Amino acid sequence: MRKLIYYVATTIDGFIAGPAGEFDFFPLDFDMLTALNAEQPETVPTHLRARFGLTDAPNLRFDTVVMGRGTYEPALSEGITSPYAHLRQYVFSRTLTIEDPQVEIISSDPLAFVRELKQQEGLDIWLCGGAKLAGLLLPEIDELMIKRYPVLAGTGIPLFERPFEPLPLTIVDTRTFPTGATVTTYRKAA
């Protein structure tokens, strides 16, 4: 069965974006970028792939991306309707309408939809972002791959929006890069 992987960047105080959705304050860590692009080239947006020499790079880990409207809108505001054209793209929204055959807007229950996706053949599914969506999909998240940058935000969009229900996790792997940025993979504790 396919896995749902929440692969996202965060500050050390747990914010994936600023209060207005800003994410340009995350520093570029070229060592981390090089390592992760080699392992998961499909997580680089289509319009940036040539810049990183990934134009013809195959999908190694993911063939599907799911995201909330807030994660999708920065690309849309730049006129990019298909940010990950090399993946199957699903955006969860009850109000958004777009005219791009490569992006499917899902207005139904995200949990039921992802459960169905996980039963299909293919590579893993990347949960690209959205604190609300991540909170809703938590029962189906198999792994969290958290890119943690040595930055404090103070406030913003948290990693998850969900009720207070502590969930123990187990660290599967951690890598630290020269800038102090880390990539840690977690699974739900047994």
Protein backbone atom coordinates (compact mmCIF):
# COMPACT_ATOMS: atom_id res chain seq x y z
CA MET A 1 0.00 0.00 0.00
CA ARG A 2 1.15 3.53 -0.76
CA LYS A 3 2.17 5.83 2.08
CA LEU A 4 1.04 9.36 2.76
CA ILE A 5 4.10 11.43 3.66
CA TYR A 6 3.80 14.91 5.16
CA TYR A 7 6.96 16.50 3.74
CA VAL A 8 7.19 20.13 4.75
CA ALA A 9 9.52 22.89 5.98
CA THR A 10 9.10 24.39 9.42
CA THR A 11 10.71 26.84 11.80
CA ILE A 12 12.08 25.54 15.07
CA ASP A 13 8.96 26.90 16.77
CA GLY A 14 6.74 24.85 14.45
CA PHE A 15 5.44 27.22 11.77
CA ILE A 16 5.23 26.25 8.10
CA ALA A 17 4.51 29.83 7.02
CA GLY A 18 4.05 33.30 8.39
CA PRO A 19 0.65 34.69 9.45
CA ALA A 20 -0.16 35.77 5.88
CA GLY A 21 1.25 32.60 4.30
CA GLU A 22 4.79 33.97 3.86
CA PHE A 23 7.51 31.40 3.35
CA ASP A 24 10.30 33.50 1.84
CA PHE A 25 11.99 33.82 5.25
CA PHE A 26 13.20 30.22 5.13
CA PRO A 27 16.92 30.35 4.29
CA LEU A 28 18.28 28.51 1.29
CA ASP A 29 20.46 25.64 2.48
CA PHE A 30 22.28 24.48 -0.64
CA ASP A 31 23.69 21.33 0.99
CA MET A 32 20.22 20.26 2.08
CA LEU A 33 18.69 21.30 -1.23
CA THR A 34 21.25 19.26 -3.19
CA ALA A 35 20.73 16.17 -1.03
CA LEU A 36 16.93 16.32 -1.08
CA ASN A 37 16.72 17.13 -4.79
CA ALA A 38 18.76 14.00 -5.50
CA GLU A 39 16.45 11.87 -3.34
CA GLN A 40 13.10 13.47 -4.23
CA PRO A 41 13.50 15.53 -7.41
CA GLU A 42 9.74 15.45 -7.90
CA THR A 43 9.25 17.84 -4.96
CA VAL A 44 10.77 20.67 -7.00
CA PRO A 45 8.02 22.67 -8.74
CA THR A 46 7.85 22.11 -12.48
CA HIS A 47 8.75 25.72 -13.36
CA LEU A 48 11.98 25.46 -11.29
CA ARG A 49 13.19 22.02 -12.40
CA ALA A 50 15.35 23.26 -15.29
CA ARG A 51 17.14 25.70 -12.96
CA PHE A 52 18.23 22.75 -10.80
CA GLY A 53 19.08 20.43 -13.70
CA LEU A 54 16.03 18.24 -13.00
CA THR A 55 14.09 18.65 -16.23
CA ASP A 56 14.16 14.95 -17.05
CA ALA A 57 14.59 13.62 -13.51
CA PRO A 58 12.27 10.69 -12.81
CA ASN A 59 9.88 10.63 -9.88
CA LEU A 60 11.71 8.56 -7.27
CA ARG A 61 9.48 8.68 -4.19
CA PHE A 62 6.19 10.39 -5.07
CA ASP A 63 3.87 10.35 -8.07
CA THR A 64 1.01 12.22 -6.40
CA VAL A 65 0.77 15.46 -4.45
CA VAL A 66 -2.12 16.60 -2.26
CA MET A 67 -2.42 20.10 -0.83
CA GLY A 68 -4.83 22.57 0.66
CA ARG A 69 -5.98 25.72 -1.04
CA GLY A 70 -3.60 27.91 0.98
CA THR A 71 -0.61 25.88 -0.23
CA TYR A 72 -1.81 26.01 -3.83
CA GLU A 73 -2.65 29.73 -3.97
CA PRO A 74 0.91 31.20 -4.05
CA ALA A 75 1.54 29.44 -7.38
CA LEU A 76 -1.91 30.36 -8.64
CA SER A 77 -1.33 34.03 -7.79
CA GLU A 78 1.77 33.89 -10.06
CA GLY A 79 -0.30 32.45 -12.91
CA ILE A 80 0.95 28.90 -12.34
CA THR A 81 -2.09 26.65 -12.39
CA SER A 82 -0.12 23.39 -12.42
CA PRO A 83 2.83 23.75 -10.02
CA TYR A 84 3.72 20.04 -10.09
CA ALA A 85 2.79 19.02 -13.64
CA HIS A 86 5.06 15.96 -13.34
CA LEU A 87 2.82 14.58 -10.53
CA ARG A 88 -0.88 13.86 -10.16
CA GLN A 89 -2.12 16.98 -8.35
CA TYR A 90 -5.09 17.21 -6.00
CA VAL A 91 -6.11 20.43 -4.26
CA PHE A 92 -8.69 20.29 -1.48
CA SER A 93 -11.09 23.22 -1.58
CA ARG A 94 -14.83 23.73 -1.38
CA THR A 95 -14.73 27.09 -3.17
CA LEU A 96 -11.83 27.07 -5.66
CA THR A 97 -12.46 26.52 -9.37
CA ILE A 98 -9.71 26.42 -11.98
CA GLU A 99 -9.45 25.39 -15.59
CA ASP A 100 -6.38 23.14 -15.66
CA PRO A 101 -6.81 19.49 -16.62
CA GLN A 102 -3.64 18.55 -14.68
CA VAL A 103 -5.05 19.72 -11.33
CA GLU A 104 -8.10 18.16 -9.75
CA ILE A 105 -10.02 20.17 -7.17
CA ILE A 106 -11.48 17.90 -4.48
CA SER A 107 -14.43 19.25 -2.51
CA SER A 108 -15.33 15.96 -0.83
CA ASP A 109 -14.02 14.50 2.43
CA PRO A 110 -10.18 14.63 2.32
CA LEU A 111 -9.79 11.63 4.63
CA ALA A 112 -11.97 9.34 2.50
CA PHE A 113 -10.31 10.57 -0.69
CA VAL A 114 -6.78 9.93 0.59
CA ARG A 115 -7.75 6.49 1.92
CA GLU A 116 -8.89 5.65 -1.59
CA LEU A 117 -5.69 7.08 -3.14
CA LYS A 118 -3.55 4.96 -0.83
CA GLN A 119 -5.24 1.81 -2.15
CA GLN A 120 -4.26 2.59 -5.75
CA GLU A 121 -1.04 1.40 -7.38
CA GLY A 122 1.84 3.82 -7.55
CA LEU A 123 4.53 5.62 -5.64
CA ASP A 124 3.93 7.36 -2.32
CA ILE A 125 1.68 10.39 -1.90
CA TRP A 126 3.16 13.72 -0.84
CA LEU A 127 1.13 15.89 1.51
CA CYS A 128 2.66 19.20 0.46
CA GLY A 129 1.06 21.39 3.03
CA GLY A 130 -1.78 22.99 4.72
CA ALA A 131 -2.07 22.95 8.50
CA LYS A 132 -5.82 22.35 8.38
CA LEU A 133 -5.46 19.61 5.78
CA ALA A 134 -2.61 17.97 7.72
CA GLY A 135 -4.76 18.01 10.85
CA LEU A 136 -7.64 16.35 9.00
CA LEU A 137 -5.39 13.77 7.35
CA LEU A 138 -3.35 12.89 10.45
CA PRO A 139 -5.01 9.44 10.81
CA GLU A 140 -3.70 8.56 7.33
CA ILE A 141 -0.24 10.13 7.57
CA ASP A 142 2.33 7.32 7.59
CA GLU A 143 5.47 9.46 7.89
CA LEU A 144 6.40 13.04 8.61
CA MET A 145 9.53 14.35 6.88
CA ILE A 146 10.19 17.66 8.57
CA LYS A 147 12.76 20.08 7.18
CA ARG A 148 13.49 22.23 10.25
CA TYR A 149 15.32 25.50 9.68
CA PRO A 150 17.16 27.38 12.44
CA VAL A 151 14.63 30.23 12.37
CA LEU A 152 12.09 31.46 14.92
CA ALA A 153 8.87 32.89 13.49
CA GLY A 154 6.97 33.69 16.67
CA THR A 155 3.60 33.22 15.01
CA GLY A 156 2.17 31.98 11.75
CA ILE A 157 0.63 28.87 10.26
CA PRO A 158 1.44 25.86 12.45
CA LEU A 159 2.58 22.46 11.29
CA PHE A 160 -0.88 21.08 12.18
CA GLU A 161 -4.23 22.60 13.09
CA ARG A 162 -5.97 20.05 15.26
CA PRO A 163 -7.42 19.59 18.72
CA PHE A 164 -5.10 18.94 21.65
CA GLU A 165 -4.48 15.19 21.36
CA PRO A 166 -0.83 14.29 21.97
CA LEU A 167 0.42 11.68 19.52
CA PRO A 168 3.74 9.96 20.27
CA LEU A 169 6.12 9.66 17.33
CA THR A 170 9.27 7.66 16.72
CA ILE A 171 12.28 9.16 14.97
CA VAL A 172 13.29 7.06 11.98
CA ASP A 173 16.12 9.26 10.70
CA THR A 174 17.71 12.65 11.29
CA ARG A 175 20.23 14.50 9.19
CA THR A 176 21.88 17.76 10.14
CA PHE A 177 23.36 20.12 7.59
CA PRO A 178 26.19 22.66 8.11
CA THR A 179 23.75 25.58 8.46
CA GLY A 180 22.01 23.84 11.36
CA ALA A 181 19.00 22.84 9.26
CA THR A 182 17.77 19.30 9.85
CA VAL A 183 15.59 16.76 8.10
CA THR A 184 13.90 14.40 10.52
CA THR A 185 11.61 11.55 9.56
CA TYR A 186 9.02 10.40 12.08
CA ARG A 187 6.47 7.58 12.23
CA LYS A 188 3.67 7.07 14.70
CA ALA A 189 4.93 5.24 17.79
CA ALA A 190 3.74 1.66 18.20
